[in-house]
Amino acid sequence: MSELNATAAALLGLLHEGPQTGGQLVAVARERFGSFFSVTRSQVYRELPALAEDGLVRLGKQGPRSSQQYVITAAGKKAFKAWLASEPGPDHLRSPLILRLVHANTLTAKQRTALIDSAKAAYAAEHDASRAAVKVAEDPYAKAIAEFGVARAKAVLKLLDSIPKA
């Protein structure tokens, strides 16, 4: 078995909660990790067969429309716990928005305004969703992560306010 990458570990963590299909994993990952860790549909469907080949998940029941459930194995639980206990290494921010803002001087004023206005709307919605998650979080870890989502959204909104449109 090779060392787990963060996406594989994220999927194993979600499968601790019970069997799920790839589509369910994508939806739960977006909901749970969306403010700090992106997991795409293609990543999920690339990782699941590799996890199965390594014996970390096994196929579960086949669902409607040929959807396939995956179940974490004892080896998968062990690998996930080892990953959790290992050194995380440096965090890497991959933000398509911030990458665009780095090059915002090459946009027209109209393009820059559209980019900033669109991003403000998205981050205002993320801010509101994170605040709502803080209010309903019962688990202290989930609450702390939701509070991080609030702070991150505020920071990006502050960044957007500092970018000249003209």
C-alpha atoms as a PDB file:
ATOM      1  CA  MET A   1       0.000   0.000   0.000  1.00  0.00           C
ATOM      2  CA  SER A   2       1.318   3.432  -0.902  1.00  0.00           C
ATOM      3  CA  GLU A   3       1.103   6.441   1.402  1.00  0.00           C
ATOM      4  CA  LEU A   4      -2.352   8.023   1.436  1.00  0.00           C
ATOM      5  CA  ASN A   5      -2.823  11.321  -0.304  1.00  0.00           C
ATOM      6  CA  ALA A   6      -5.156  13.889   1.250  1.00  0.00           C
ATOM      7  CA  THR A   7      -8.037  13.116  -1.125  1.00  0.00           C
ATOM      8  CA  ALA A   8      -7.878   9.390  -0.398  1.00  0.00           C
ATOM      9  CA  ALA A   9      -7.741  10.135   3.330  1.00  0.00           C
ATOM     10  CA  ALA A  10     -10.741  12.461   3.031  1.00  0.00           C
ATOM     11  CA  LEU A  11     -12.745   9.687   1.362  1.00  0.00           C
ATOM     12  CA  LEU A  12     -11.755   7.118   3.978  1.00  0.00           C
ATOM     13  CA  GLY A  13     -12.777   9.561   6.691  1.00  0.00           C
ATOM     14  CA  LEU A  14     -16.193   9.989   5.101  1.00  0.00           C
ATOM     15  CA  LEU A  15     -16.591   6.224   4.697  1.00  0.00           C
ATOM     16  CA  HIS A  16     -16.099   5.841   8.469  1.00  0.00           C
ATOM     17  CA  GLU A  17     -19.682   7.081   8.691  1.00  0.00           C
ATOM     18  CA  GLY A  18     -20.979   4.179   6.612  1.00  0.00           C
ATOM     19  CA  PRO A  19     -21.170   2.909   3.032  1.00  0.00           C
ATOM     20  CA  GLN A  20     -21.560   5.584   0.369  1.00  0.00           C
ATOM     21  CA  THR A  21     -21.554   5.825  -3.395  1.00  0.00           C
ATOM     22  CA  GLY A  22     -19.124   8.023  -5.287  1.00  0.00           C
ATOM     23  CA  GLY A  23     -21.851  10.593  -5.889  1.00  0.00           C
ATOM     24  CA  GLN A  24     -22.730  10.668  -2.201  1.00  0.00           C
ATOM     25  CA  LEU A  25     -19.062  11.104  -1.317  1.00  0.00           C
ATOM     26  CA  VAL A  26     -18.756  14.060  -3.715  1.00  0.00           C
ATOM     27  CA  ALA A  27     -21.822  15.759  -2.203  1.00  0.00           C
ATOM     28  CA  VAL A  28     -20.780  15.182   1.420  1.00  0.00           C
ATOM     29  CA  ALA A  29     -17.207  16.307   0.712  1.00  0.00           C
ATOM     30  CA  ARG A  30     -18.424  19.562  -0.849  1.00  0.00           C
ATOM     31  CA  GLU A  31     -20.691  20.196   2.120  1.00  0.00           C
ATOM     32  CA  ARG A  32     -18.190  19.267   4.803  1.00  0.00           C
ATOM     33  CA  PHE A  33     -14.875  20.374   3.275  1.00  0.00           C
ATOM     34  CA  GLY A  34     -15.907  22.974   0.717  1.00  0.00           C
ATOM     35  CA  SER A  35     -14.510  25.990   2.528  1.00  0.00           C
ATOM     36  CA  PHE A  36     -11.008  24.560   2.869  1.00  0.00           C
ATOM     37  CA  PHE A  37     -10.449  21.449   0.759  1.00  0.00           C
ATOM     38  CA  SER A  38     -11.845  20.826  -2.699  1.00  0.00           C
ATOM     39  CA  VAL A  39     -12.696  17.316  -3.810  1.00  0.00           C
ATOM     40  CA  THR A  40     -13.823  16.975  -7.408  1.00  0.00           C
ATOM     41  CA  ARG A  41     -15.979  14.267  -8.926  1.00  0.00           C
ATOM     42  CA  SER A  42     -13.058  13.127 -11.100  1.00  0.00           C
ATOM     43  CA  GLN A  43     -10.778  12.843  -8.052  1.00  0.00           C
ATOM     44  CA  VAL A  44     -13.342  10.728  -6.195  1.00  0.00           C
ATOM     45  CA  TYR A  45     -13.865   8.363  -9.119  1.00  0.00           C
ATOM     46  CA  ARG A  46     -10.100   8.081  -9.657  1.00  0.00           C
ATOM     47  CA  GLU A  47      -9.370   7.398  -5.959  1.00  0.00           C
ATOM     48  CA  LEU A  48     -12.090   4.831  -5.217  1.00  0.00           C
ATOM     49  CA  PRO A  49     -10.734   2.083  -7.530  1.00  0.00           C
ATOM     50  CA  ALA A  50      -7.201   2.713  -6.226  1.00  0.00           C
ATOM     51  CA  LEU A  51      -8.427   2.423  -2.636  1.00  0.00           C
ATOM     52  CA  ALA A  52     -10.218  -0.810  -3.542  1.00  0.00           C
ATOM     53  CA  GLU A  53      -7.092  -2.182  -5.251  1.00  0.00           C
ATOM     54  CA  ASP A  54      -5.089  -1.406  -2.095  1.00  0.00           C
ATOM     55  CA  GLY A  55      -7.698  -3.228   0.027  1.00  0.00           C
ATOM     56  CA  LEU A  56      -8.712  -0.082   1.911  1.00  0.00           C
ATOM     57  CA  VAL A  57     -12.308  -0.161   0.670  1.00  0.00           C
ATOM     58  CA  ARG A  58     -14.467  -2.884  -0.762  1.00  0.00           C
ATOM     59  CA  LEU A  59     -17.499  -2.814  -2.978  1.00  0.00           C
ATOM     60  CA  GLY A  60     -20.807  -2.713  -1.145  1.00  0.00           C
ATOM     61  CA  LYS A  61     -24.350  -2.949  -2.423  1.00  0.00           C
ATOM     62  CA  GLN A  62     -25.132  -1.818  -5.932  1.00  0.00           C
ATOM     63  CA  GLY A  63     -27.682   0.981  -5.900  1.00  0.00           C
ATOM     64  CA  PRO A  64     -30.038   2.530  -8.404  1.00  0.00           C
ATOM     65  CA  ARG A  65     -28.764   3.543 -11.849  1.00  0.00           C
ATOM     66  CA  SER A  66     -25.706   1.297 -11.414  1.00  0.00           C
ATOM     67  CA  SER A  67     -24.366   3.359  -8.519  1.00  0.00           C
ATOM     68  CA  GLN A  68     -21.859   1.428  -6.448  1.00  0.00           C
ATOM     69  CA  GLN A  69     -21.486   1.714  -2.695  1.00  0.00           C
ATOM     70  CA  TYR A  70     -18.047   1.563  -1.135  1.00  0.00           C
ATOM     71  CA  VAL A  71     -17.324   0.289   2.369  1.00  0.00           C
ATOM     72  CA  ILE A  72     -14.180   1.000   4.362  1.00  0.00           C
ATOM     73  CA  THR A  73     -12.233  -2.124   5.396  1.00  0.00           C
ATOM     74  CA  ALA A  74     -10.284  -2.752   8.599  1.00  0.00           C
ATOM     75  CA  ALA A  75      -7.107  -1.986   6.632  1.00  0.00           C
ATOM     76  CA  GLY A  76      -8.700   1.259   5.437  1.00  0.00           C
ATOM     77  CA  LYS A  77      -9.526   2.261   9.002  1.00  0.00           C
ATOM     78  CA  LYS A  78      -5.966   1.495  10.063  1.00  0.00           C
ATOM     79  CA  ALA A  79      -4.484   3.462   7.144  1.00  0.00           C
ATOM     80  CA  PHE A  80      -6.777   6.404   7.845  1.00  0.00           C
ATOM     81  CA  LYS A  81      -5.839   6.502  11.538  1.00  0.00           C
ATOM     82  CA  ALA A  82      -2.147   6.346  10.602  1.00  0.00           C
ATOM     83  CA  TRP A  83      -2.664   9.225   8.158  1.00  0.00           C
ATOM     84  CA  LEU A  84      -4.454  11.257  10.850  1.00  0.00           C
ATOM     85  CA  ALA A  85      -1.562  10.774  13.267  1.00  0.00           C
ATOM     86  CA  SER A  86       1.140  11.625  10.718  1.00  0.00           C
ATOM     87  CA  GLU A  87       2.734  15.037  10.153  1.00  0.00           C
ATOM     88  CA  PRO A  88       0.465  17.037   7.817  1.00  0.00           C
ATOM     89  CA  GLY A  89       3.222  18.983   6.092  1.00  0.00           C
ATOM     90  CA  PRO A  90       2.686  22.475   4.699  1.00  0.00           C
ATOM     91  CA  ASP A  91      -0.728  23.702   3.626  1.00  0.00           C
ATOM     92  CA  HIS A  92      -1.068  24.824   0.026  1.00  0.00           C
ATOM     93  CA  LEU A  93      -3.689  27.320  -0.983  1.00  0.00           C
ATOM     94  CA  ARG A  94      -5.018  26.731  -4.503  1.00  0.00           C
ATOM     95  CA  SER A  95      -7.442  29.515  -5.286  1.00  0.00           C
ATOM     96  CA  PRO A  96      -8.423  30.169  -8.896  1.00  0.00           C
ATOM     97  CA  LEU A  97      -9.879  33.481  -7.701  1.00  0.00           C
ATOM     98  CA  ILE A  98      -6.663  34.693  -6.064  1.00  0.00           C
ATOM     99  CA  LEU A  99      -4.677  33.535  -9.082  1.00  0.00           C
ATOM    100  CA  ARG A 100      -6.926  35.719 -11.252  1.00  0.00           C
ATOM    101  CA  LEU A 101      -6.532  38.634  -8.829  1.00  0.00           C
ATOM    102  CA  VAL A 102      -2.737  38.358  -9.103  1.00  0.00           C
ATOM    103  CA  HIS A 103      -3.184  39.133 -12.793  1.00  0.00           C
ATOM    104  CA  ALA A 104      -6.151  41.517 -12.416  1.00  0.00           C
ATOM    105  CA  ASN A 105      -4.153  44.380 -13.929  1.00  0.00           C
ATOM    106  CA  THR A 106      -4.418  42.669 -17.327  1.00  0.00           C
ATOM    107  CA  LEU A 107      -8.238  42.697 -17.208  1.00  0.00           C
ATOM    108  CA  THR A 108     -10.359  45.572 -18.400  1.00  0.00           C
ATOM    109  CA  ALA A 109     -12.144  47.583 -15.723  1.00  0.00           C
ATOM    110  CA  LYS A 110     -15.414  45.935 -16.774  1.00  0.00           C
ATOM    111  CA  GLN A 111     -13.903  42.419 -16.514  1.00  0.00           C
ATOM    112  CA  ARG A 112     -12.324  43.236 -13.145  1.00  0.00           C
ATOM    113  CA  THR A 113     -15.624  44.586 -11.819  1.00  0.00           C
ATOM    114  CA  ALA A 114     -17.481  41.479 -13.008  1.00  0.00           C
ATOM    115  CA  LEU A 115     -14.891  39.179 -11.425  1.00  0.00           C
ATOM    116  CA  ILE A 116     -14.951  41.026  -8.104  1.00  0.00           C
ATOM    117  CA  ASP A 117     -18.731  41.371  -7.956  1.00  0.00           C
ATOM    118  CA  SER A 118     -19.218  37.686  -8.759  1.00  0.00           C
ATOM    119  CA  ALA A 119     -16.659  36.637  -6.147  1.00  0.00           C
ATOM    120  CA  LYS A 120     -18.198  38.939  -3.529  1.00  0.00           C
ATOM    121  CA  ALA A 121     -21.596  37.336  -4.055  1.00  0.00           C
ATOM    122  CA  ALA A 122     -20.122  33.840  -3.762  1.00  0.00           C
ATOM    123  CA  TYR A 123     -18.121  34.637  -0.629  1.00  0.00           C
ATOM    124  CA  ALA A 124     -21.031  36.470   0.990  1.00  0.00           C
ATOM    125  CA  ALA A 125     -23.090  33.311   0.502  1.00  0.00           C
ATOM    126  CA  GLU A 126     -20.242  31.194   1.879  1.00  0.00           C
ATOM    127  CA  HIS A 127     -19.987  33.547   4.873  1.00  0.00           C
ATOM    128  CA  ASP A 128     -23.717  33.197   5.561  1.00  0.00           C
ATOM    129  CA  ALA A 129     -23.588  29.408   5.202  1.00  0.00           C
ATOM    130  CA  SER A 130     -20.602  29.170   7.527  1.00  0.00           C
ATOM    131  CA  ARG A 131     -22.316  31.370  10.127  1.00  0.00           C
ATOM    132  CA  ALA A 132     -25.378  29.123   9.952  1.00  0.00           C
ATOM    133  CA  ALA A 133     -23.137  26.053  10.371  1.00  0.00           C
ATOM    134  CA  VAL A 134     -21.565  27.601  13.482  1.00  0.00           C
ATOM    135  CA  LYS A 135     -25.013  28.047  15.026  1.00  0.00           C
ATOM    136  CA  VAL A 136     -26.074  24.420  14.521  1.00  0.00           C
ATOM    137  CA  ALA A 137     -22.733  22.703  15.155  1.00  0.00           C
ATOM    138  CA  GLU A 138     -22.895  20.459  18.190  1.00  0.00           C
ATOM    139  CA  ASP A 139     -19.472  18.888  17.779  1.00  0.00           C
ATOM    140  CA  PRO A 140     -16.696  21.261  18.951  1.00  0.00           C
ATOM    141  CA  TYR A 141     -14.492  20.298  15.979  1.00  0.00           C
ATOM    142  CA  ALA A 142     -17.254  20.949  13.462  1.00  0.00           C
ATOM    143  CA  LYS A 143     -17.927  24.284  15.159  1.00  0.00           C
ATOM    144  CA  ALA A 144     -14.253  25.279  14.993  1.00  0.00           C
ATOM    145  CA  ILE A 145     -14.110  24.388  11.287  1.00  0.00           C
ATOM    146  CA  ALA A 146     -17.297  26.353  10.614  1.00  0.00           C
ATOM    147  CA  GLU A 147     -15.776  29.339  12.448  1.00  0.00           C
ATOM    148  CA  PHE A 148     -12.740  28.989  10.203  1.00  0.00           C
ATOM    149  CA  GLY A 149     -15.104  29.142   7.210  1.00  0.00           C
ATOM    150  CA  VAL A 150     -16.543  32.403   8.562  1.00  0.00           C
ATOM    151  CA  ALA A 151     -13.064  33.880   9.051  1.00  0.00           C
ATOM    152  CA  ARG A 152     -11.881  32.730   5.608  1.00  0.00           C
ATOM    153  CA  ALA A 153     -14.916  34.219   3.871  1.00  0.00           C
ATOM    154  CA  LYS A 154     -14.399  37.500   5.760  1.00  0.00           C
ATOM    155  CA  ALA A 155     -10.724  37.562   4.750  1.00  0.00           C
ATOM    156  CA  VAL A 156     -11.515  37.016   1.066  1.00  0.00           C
ATOM    157  CA  LEU A 157     -14.246  39.661   1.170  1.00  0.00           C
ATOM    158  CA  LYS A 158     -11.732  42.080   2.707  1.00  0.00           C
ATOM    159  CA  LEU A 159      -9.242  41.205  -0.056  1.00  0.00           C
ATOM    160  CA  LEU A 160     -11.886  41.822  -2.709  1.00  0.00           C
ATOM    161  CA  ASP A 161     -12.707  45.218  -1.188  1.00  0.00           C
ATOM    162  CA  SER A 162      -9.037  46.172  -1.490  1.00  0.00           C
ATOM    163  CA  ILE A 163      -8.762  45.398  -5.241  1.00  0.00           C
ATOM    164  CA  PRO A 164      -9.278  48.499  -7.378  1.00  0.00           C
ATOM    165  CA  LYS A 165     -11.950  48.000 -10.006  1.00  0.00           C
ATOM    166  CA  ALA A 166     -10.961  50.926 -12.172  1.00  0.00           C
END
